């Protein structure tokens, strides 16, 4: 998992968009966090077990999870309707922030396919001489025009929304590294194996 200082400076972060989870009550239902308009959800929103993932697009450990573990998670837990994955960006640097901004300028239905490409191709674009230019190429291939990407990358409100997502993760769940997961209102830091994640999901379902 990566722990790096946040490299962004600039305008104040906009208020609102509290993304914290709601602690469960003493019932048989598994813990469910609040899902906001800013969240991106993979799977059935009514799935009984929620997994929140906090990730940075420039984090190699996040890429390893998405490339090596996520296909099995999707096949065995998400697609059958047992789990919904709530993906929240936790940018570790300005490049990760811009990757998230471009991803969020795409239609919602193409968000996860796009970030799958970002993680699969991470070494190529993060090590490019101009990573943002490389990101723009991915945006073009996904259907965005140059004018749309210019507007997207200049959108201060969108940048502040993503930064606020990180700030809320730090305040609500004490997230300090990527990737991190919240399952049954418990923070799990570091890249989880499929077996570990499945065990936490089973514990949450049976709590």
C-alpha atoms as a PDB file:
ATOM      1  CA  UNK A   1       0.000   0.000   0.000  1.00  0.00           C
ATOM      2  CA  UNK A   2       1.155   3.533  -0.666  1.00  0.00           C
ATOM      3  CA  UNK A   3       1.478   6.377   1.786  1.00  0.00           C
ATOM      4  CA  UNK A   4       2.540   9.591   0.102  1.00  0.00           C
ATOM      5  CA  UNK A   5       2.004  13.274   0.872  1.00  0.00           C
ATOM      6  CA  UNK A   6      -0.717  14.915  -1.170  1.00  0.00           C
ATOM      7  CA  UNK A   7       1.005  17.154  -3.699  1.00  0.00           C
ATOM      8  CA  UNK A   8      -1.918  19.408  -4.623  1.00  0.00           C
ATOM      9  CA  UNK A   9      -2.183  23.019  -3.595  1.00  0.00           C
ATOM     10  CA  UNK A  10      -4.502  25.736  -4.752  1.00  0.00           C
ATOM     11  CA  UNK A  11      -8.112  26.676  -4.235  1.00  0.00           C
ATOM     12  CA  UNK A  12     -10.019  25.811  -1.101  1.00  0.00           C
ATOM     13  CA  UNK A  13     -11.909  22.546  -1.078  1.00  0.00           C
ATOM     14  CA  UNK A  14     -15.616  22.998  -1.520  1.00  0.00           C
ATOM     15  CA  UNK A  15     -17.829  22.107   1.396  1.00  0.00           C
ATOM     16  CA  UNK A  16     -20.376  19.318   1.486  1.00  0.00           C
ATOM     17  CA  UNK A  17     -20.390  15.898  -0.115  1.00  0.00           C
ATOM     18  CA  UNK A  18     -19.955  14.067   3.162  1.00  0.00           C
ATOM     19  CA  UNK A  19     -19.296  10.489   2.111  1.00  0.00           C
ATOM     20  CA  UNK A  20     -19.068   8.819   5.483  1.00  0.00           C
ATOM     21  CA  UNK A  21     -20.673   5.527   6.318  1.00  0.00           C
ATOM     22  CA  UNK A  22     -23.574   5.090   8.672  1.00  0.00           C
ATOM     23  CA  UNK A  23     -22.936   2.740  11.553  1.00  0.00           C
ATOM     24  CA  UNK A  24     -25.279  -0.210  11.594  1.00  0.00           C
ATOM     25  CA  UNK A  25     -27.892  -0.722  14.253  1.00  0.00           C
ATOM     26  CA  UNK A  26     -28.515  -3.906  16.186  1.00  0.00           C
ATOM     27  CA  UNK A  27     -30.407  -5.681  13.410  1.00  0.00           C
ATOM     28  CA  UNK A  28     -29.770  -8.656  11.173  1.00  0.00           C
ATOM     29  CA  UNK A  29     -29.131  -6.427   8.136  1.00  0.00           C
ATOM     30  CA  UNK A  30     -25.476  -5.940   7.157  1.00  0.00           C
ATOM     31  CA  UNK A  31     -23.899  -2.518   7.535  1.00  0.00           C
ATOM     32  CA  UNK A  32     -24.746  -0.127   4.704  1.00  0.00           C
ATOM     33  CA  UNK A  33     -22.926   3.165   4.063  1.00  0.00           C
ATOM     34  CA  UNK A  34     -24.583   6.222   2.617  1.00  0.00           C
ATOM     35  CA  UNK A  35     -24.205   6.340  -1.171  1.00  0.00           C
ATOM     36  CA  UNK A  36     -24.035   9.823  -2.671  1.00  0.00           C
ATOM     37  CA  UNK A  37     -24.237  11.214  -6.176  1.00  0.00           C
ATOM     38  CA  UNK A  38     -20.430  11.450  -6.194  1.00  0.00           C
ATOM     39  CA  UNK A  39     -19.991   7.707  -5.666  1.00  0.00           C
ATOM     40  CA  UNK A  40     -19.470   5.212  -8.451  1.00  0.00           C
ATOM     41  CA  UNK A  41     -21.066   1.821  -7.683  1.00  0.00           C
ATOM     42  CA  UNK A  42     -20.217  -1.478  -9.342  1.00  0.00           C
ATOM     43  CA  UNK A  43     -22.916  -4.115  -8.967  1.00  0.00           C
ATOM     44  CA  UNK A  44     -26.486  -4.124  -7.726  1.00  0.00           C
ATOM     45  CA  UNK A  45     -27.054  -1.051  -5.513  1.00  0.00           C
ATOM     46  CA  UNK A  46     -29.364  -3.261  -3.417  1.00  0.00           C
ATOM     47  CA  UNK A  47     -26.729  -5.969  -2.824  1.00  0.00           C
ATOM     48  CA  UNK A  48     -26.675  -6.929   0.860  1.00  0.00           C
ATOM     49  CA  UNK A  49     -22.950  -6.378   1.520  1.00  0.00           C
ATOM     50  CA  UNK A  50     -21.180  -3.105   0.745  1.00  0.00           C
ATOM     51  CA  UNK A  51     -17.447  -2.790   0.116  1.00  0.00           C
ATOM     52  CA  UNK A  52     -15.992   0.712  -0.136  1.00  0.00           C
ATOM     53  CA  UNK A  53     -12.691   0.899  -1.973  1.00  0.00           C
ATOM     54  CA  UNK A  54     -10.401   3.927  -1.701  1.00  0.00           C
ATOM     55  CA  UNK A  55      -7.822   3.993  -4.487  1.00  0.00           C
ATOM     56  CA  UNK A  56      -5.467   6.261  -6.395  1.00  0.00           C
ATOM     57  CA  UNK A  57      -5.014   5.782 -10.129  1.00  0.00           C
ATOM     58  CA  UNK A  58      -1.233   6.223  -9.772  1.00  0.00           C
ATOM     59  CA  UNK A  59      -0.922   3.631  -6.983  1.00  0.00           C
ATOM     60  CA  UNK A  60       0.721   0.401  -8.241  1.00  0.00           C
ATOM     61  CA  UNK A  61      -0.816  -1.653  -5.408  1.00  0.00           C
ATOM     62  CA  UNK A  62      -4.261  -0.428  -6.484  1.00  0.00           C
ATOM     63  CA  UNK A  63      -3.476  -1.532 -10.039  1.00  0.00           C
ATOM     64  CA  UNK A  64      -2.415  -4.963  -8.775  1.00  0.00           C
ATOM     65  CA  UNK A  65      -5.717  -5.363  -6.941  1.00  0.00           C
ATOM     66  CA  UNK A  66      -7.778  -4.303  -9.949  1.00  0.00           C
ATOM     67  CA  UNK A  67      -5.793  -6.334 -12.457  1.00  0.00           C
ATOM     68  CA  UNK A  68      -5.314  -9.537 -10.445  1.00  0.00           C
ATOM     69  CA  UNK A  69      -8.043  -9.704  -7.784  1.00  0.00           C
ATOM     70  CA  UNK A  70     -10.999  -7.701  -9.080  1.00  0.00           C
ATOM     71  CA  UNK A  71     -11.921 -10.107 -11.909  1.00  0.00           C
ATOM     72  CA  UNK A  72     -12.516 -12.875  -9.362  1.00  0.00           C
ATOM     73  CA  UNK A  73     -14.343 -10.511  -7.011  1.00  0.00           C
ATOM     74  CA  UNK A  74     -16.602  -9.411  -9.847  1.00  0.00           C
ATOM     75  CA  UNK A  75     -17.281 -12.955 -11.057  1.00  0.00           C
ATOM     76  CA  UNK A  76     -17.923 -14.557  -7.669  1.00  0.00           C
ATOM     77  CA  UNK A  77     -19.284 -11.767  -5.472  1.00  0.00           C
ATOM     78  CA  UNK A  78     -20.459  -8.755  -7.486  1.00  0.00           C
ATOM     79  CA  UNK A  79     -22.127 -10.315 -10.537  1.00  0.00           C
ATOM     80  CA  UNK A  80     -24.169 -12.817  -8.420  1.00  0.00           C
ATOM     81  CA  UNK A  81     -25.559  -9.872  -6.427  1.00  0.00           C
ATOM     82  CA  UNK A  82     -23.865 -10.554  -3.086  1.00  0.00           C
ATOM     83  CA  UNK A  83     -21.681  -7.436  -3.029  1.00  0.00           C
ATOM     84  CA  UNK A  84     -21.738  -3.889  -4.312  1.00  0.00           C
ATOM     85  CA  UNK A  85     -18.390  -2.108  -4.675  1.00  0.00           C
ATOM     86  CA  UNK A  86     -18.477   1.606  -3.896  1.00  0.00           C
ATOM     87  CA  UNK A  87     -15.402   3.147  -5.529  1.00  0.00           C
ATOM     88  CA  UNK A  88     -14.110   6.388  -4.015  1.00  0.00           C
ATOM     89  CA  UNK A  89     -11.084   8.156  -5.381  1.00  0.00           C
ATOM     90  CA  UNK A  90      -8.225   8.962  -3.013  1.00  0.00           C
ATOM     91  CA  UNK A  91      -5.752  10.825  -5.256  1.00  0.00           C
ATOM     92  CA  UNK A  92      -2.165  10.683  -4.088  1.00  0.00           C
ATOM     93  CA  UNK A  93      -0.952  13.343  -6.523  1.00  0.00           C
ATOM     94  CA  UNK A  94      -2.035  15.746  -9.226  1.00  0.00           C
ATOM     95  CA  UNK A  95      -1.817  13.172 -12.007  1.00  0.00           C
ATOM     96  CA  UNK A  96      -4.177  10.825 -10.146  1.00  0.00           C
ATOM     97  CA  UNK A  97      -6.552  13.737  -9.639  1.00  0.00           C
ATOM     98  CA  UNK A  98      -6.583  14.506 -13.357  1.00  0.00           C
ATOM     99  CA  UNK A  99      -7.137  10.845 -14.203  1.00  0.00           C
ATOM    100  CA  UNK A 100     -10.188  10.883 -11.965  1.00  0.00           C
ATOM    101  CA  UNK A 101     -11.465  14.087 -13.535  1.00  0.00           C
ATOM    102  CA  UNK A 102     -11.308  12.613 -17.035  1.00  0.00           C
ATOM    103  CA  UNK A 103     -12.977   9.404 -15.826  1.00  0.00           C
ATOM    104  CA  UNK A 104     -15.816  11.423 -14.313  1.00  0.00           C
ATOM    105  CA  UNK A 105     -16.385  13.370 -17.524  1.00  0.00           C
ATOM    106  CA  UNK A 106     -17.362  10.127 -19.249  1.00  0.00           C
ATOM    107  CA  UNK A 107     -20.888   8.690 -19.016  1.00  0.00           C
ATOM    108  CA  UNK A 108     -21.417   6.770 -15.778  1.00  0.00           C
ATOM    109  CA  UNK A 109     -21.790   3.472 -17.604  1.00  0.00           C
ATOM    110  CA  UNK A 110     -18.265   3.789 -19.013  1.00  0.00           C
ATOM    111  CA  UNK A 111     -16.591   4.842 -15.743  1.00  0.00           C
ATOM    112  CA  UNK A 112     -15.544   1.356 -14.615  1.00  0.00           C
ATOM    113  CA  UNK A 113     -14.446   0.151 -18.082  1.00  0.00           C
ATOM    114  CA  UNK A 114     -12.328   3.320 -18.336  1.00  0.00           C
ATOM    115  CA  UNK A 115     -10.633   2.912 -14.957  1.00  0.00           C
ATOM    116  CA  UNK A 116     -10.012  -0.751 -15.805  1.00  0.00           C
ATOM    117  CA  UNK A 117      -7.953   0.538 -18.746  1.00  0.00           C
ATOM    118  CA  UNK A 118      -6.139   3.050 -16.527  1.00  0.00           C
ATOM    119  CA  UNK A 119      -5.103   0.344 -14.082  1.00  0.00           C
ATOM    120  CA  UNK A 120      -4.221  -2.178 -16.814  1.00  0.00           C
ATOM    121  CA  UNK A 121      -2.059   0.374 -18.647  1.00  0.00           C
ATOM    122  CA  UNK A 122      -0.776   2.183 -15.551  1.00  0.00           C
ATOM    123  CA  UNK A 123       2.995   1.697 -16.168  1.00  0.00           C
ATOM    124  CA  UNK A 124       2.706   3.152 -19.668  1.00  0.00           C
ATOM    125  CA  UNK A 125       0.902   6.389 -18.860  1.00  0.00           C
ATOM    126  CA  UNK A 126       2.331   7.113 -15.407  1.00  0.00           C
ATOM    127  CA  UNK A 127       5.899   6.833 -16.755  1.00  0.00           C
ATOM    128  CA  UNK A 128       5.227   8.842 -19.902  1.00  0.00           C
ATOM    129  CA  UNK A 129       7.064  12.099 -20.374  1.00  0.00           C
ATOM    130  CA  UNK A 130       3.718  13.877 -20.172  1.00  0.00           C
ATOM    131  CA  UNK A 131       1.275  11.703 -18.182  1.00  0.00           C
ATOM    132  CA  UNK A 132      -1.630  14.108 -18.678  1.00  0.00           C
ATOM    133  CA  UNK A 133      -1.173  13.973 -22.456  1.00  0.00           C
ATOM    134  CA  UNK A 134      -1.241  10.186 -22.196  1.00  0.00           C
ATOM    135  CA  UNK A 135      -4.449  10.399 -20.151  1.00  0.00           C
ATOM    136  CA  UNK A 136      -5.981  12.628 -22.795  1.00  0.00           C
ATOM    137  CA  UNK A 137      -5.232   9.957 -25.373  1.00  0.00           C
ATOM    138  CA  UNK A 138      -7.230   7.452 -23.317  1.00  0.00           C
ATOM    139  CA  UNK A 139     -10.010  10.020 -23.110  1.00  0.00           C
ATOM    140  CA  UNK A 140     -10.055  10.436 -26.890  1.00  0.00           C
ATOM    141  CA  UNK A 141     -10.204   6.681 -27.393  1.00  0.00           C
ATOM    142  CA  UNK A 142     -13.183   6.599 -24.985  1.00  0.00           C
ATOM    143  CA  UNK A 143     -15.101   9.194 -26.984  1.00  0.00           C
ATOM    144  CA  UNK A 144     -14.238  12.552 -25.418  1.00  0.00           C
ATOM    145  CA  UNK A 145     -13.360  15.467 -27.686  1.00  0.00           C
ATOM    146  CA  UNK A 146     -10.424  17.789 -27.049  1.00  0.00           C
ATOM    147  CA  UNK A 147     -12.877  20.544 -26.110  1.00  0.00           C
ATOM    148  CA  UNK A 148     -14.626  18.278 -23.610  1.00  0.00           C
ATOM    149  CA  UNK A 149     -11.325  17.317 -22.000  1.00  0.00           C
ATOM    150  CA  UNK A 150     -10.194  20.936 -21.843  1.00  0.00           C
ATOM    151  CA  UNK A 151     -13.416  21.832 -20.031  1.00  0.00           C
ATOM    152  CA  UNK A 152     -13.164  18.770 -17.802  1.00  0.00           C
ATOM    153  CA  UNK A 153      -9.593  19.449 -16.678  1.00  0.00           C
ATOM    154  CA  UNK A 154     -10.437  23.107 -16.023  1.00  0.00           C
ATOM    155  CA  UNK A 155     -13.492  22.228 -13.904  1.00  0.00           C
ATOM    156  CA  UNK A 156     -12.542  23.441 -10.427  1.00  0.00           C
ATOM    157  CA  UNK A 157     -15.772  22.153  -8.878  1.00  0.00           C
ATOM    158  CA  UNK A 158     -15.022  18.657 -10.146  1.00  0.00           C
ATOM    159  CA  UNK A 159     -11.462  18.817  -8.806  1.00  0.00           C
ATOM    160  CA  UNK A 160     -12.750  19.973  -5.438  1.00  0.00           C
ATOM    161  CA  UNK A 161     -15.317  17.159  -5.361  1.00  0.00           C
ATOM    162  CA  UNK A 162     -12.595  14.535  -5.771  1.00  0.00           C
ATOM    163  CA  UNK A 163     -10.331  16.232  -3.229  1.00  0.00           C
ATOM    164  CA  UNK A 164     -13.265  16.382  -0.817  1.00  0.00           C
ATOM    165  CA  UNK A 165     -13.749  12.641  -1.297  1.00  0.00           C
ATOM    166  CA  UNK A 166     -10.198  12.109  -0.054  1.00  0.00           C
ATOM    167  CA  UNK A 167     -10.683  14.523   2.842  1.00  0.00           C
ATOM    168  CA  UNK A 168     -13.883  12.767   3.926  1.00  0.00           C
ATOM    169  CA  UNK A 169     -12.145   9.374   3.767  1.00  0.00           C
ATOM    170  CA  UNK A 170      -9.410  10.643   6.071  1.00  0.00           C
ATOM    171  CA  UNK A 171     -11.897  12.186   8.500  1.00  0.00           C
ATOM    172  CA  UNK A 172     -14.550   9.453   8.542  1.00  0.00           C
ATOM    173  CA  UNK A 173     -12.566   6.240   8.149  1.00  0.00           C
ATOM    174  CA  UNK A 174      -8.997   7.373   8.971  1.00  0.00           C
ATOM    175  CA  UNK A 175      -7.799   6.265   5.539  1.00  0.00           C
ATOM    176  CA  UNK A 176      -4.099   6.998   5.153  1.00  0.00           C
ATOM    177  CA  UNK A 177      -2.979   4.654   2.376  1.00  0.00           C
ATOM    178  CA  UNK A 178      -4.114   3.097  -0.861  1.00  0.00           C
ATOM    179  CA  UNK A 179      -5.700   0.785  -1.513  1.00  0.00           C
ATOM    180  CA  UNK A 180      -7.946   0.715   1.532  1.00  0.00           C
ATOM    181  CA  UNK A 181     -11.289  -1.003   1.982  1.00  0.00           C
ATOM    182  CA  UNK A 182     -14.151  -0.523   4.403  1.00  0.00           C
ATOM    183  CA  UNK A 183     -16.199  -3.670   5.000  1.00  0.00           C
ATOM    184  CA  UNK A 184     -18.781  -3.899   7.779  1.00  0.00           C
ATOM    185  CA  UNK A 185     -17.700  -0.402   8.916  1.00  0.00           C
ATOM    186  CA  UNK A 186     -14.129  -1.646   9.500  1.00  0.00           C
ATOM    187  CA  UNK A 187     -11.082  -0.222   7.703  1.00  0.00           C
ATOM    188  CA  UNK A 188      -8.799  -2.756   5.995  1.00  0.00           C
ATOM    189  CA  UNK A 189      -5.624  -1.157   4.634  1.00  0.00           C
ATOM    190  CA  UNK A 190      -3.524  -2.698   1.893  1.00  0.00           C
ATOM    191  CA  UNK A 191      -4.197  -4.807  -1.165  1.00  0.00           C
ATOM    192  CA  UNK A 192      -6.463  -7.673  -0.142  1.00  0.00           C
ATOM    193  CA  UNK A 193      -6.275 -11.122  -1.688  1.00  0.00           C
ATOM    194  CA  UNK A 194      -9.497 -12.573  -3.031  1.00  0.00           C
ATOM    195  CA  UNK A 195      -9.672 -15.061  -0.170  1.00  0.00           C
ATOM    196  CA  UNK A 196      -9.245 -12.350   2.463  1.00  0.00           C
ATOM    197  CA  UNK A 197     -11.861 -10.092   0.900  1.00  0.00           C
ATOM    198  CA  UNK A 198     -14.311 -12.993   0.497  1.00  0.00           C
ATOM    199  CA  UNK A 199     -13.829 -13.914   4.152  1.00  0.00           C
ATOM    200  CA  UNK A 200     -14.551 -10.338   5.282  1.00  0.00           C
ATOM    201  CA  UNK A 201     -17.641 -10.282   3.064  1.00  0.00           C
ATOM    202  CA  UNK A 202     -18.884 -13.551   4.534  1.00  0.00           C
ATOM    203  CA  UNK A 203     -18.331 -12.240   8.069  1.00  0.00           C
ATOM    204  CA  UNK A 204     -20.276  -9.081   7.185  1.00  0.00           C
ATOM    205  CA  UNK A 205     -23.136 -11.061   5.690  1.00  0.00           C
ATOM    206  CA  UNK A 206     -23.379 -13.220   8.808  1.00  0.00           C
ATOM    207  CA  UNK A 207     -22.920 -10.457  11.368  1.00  0.00           C
END
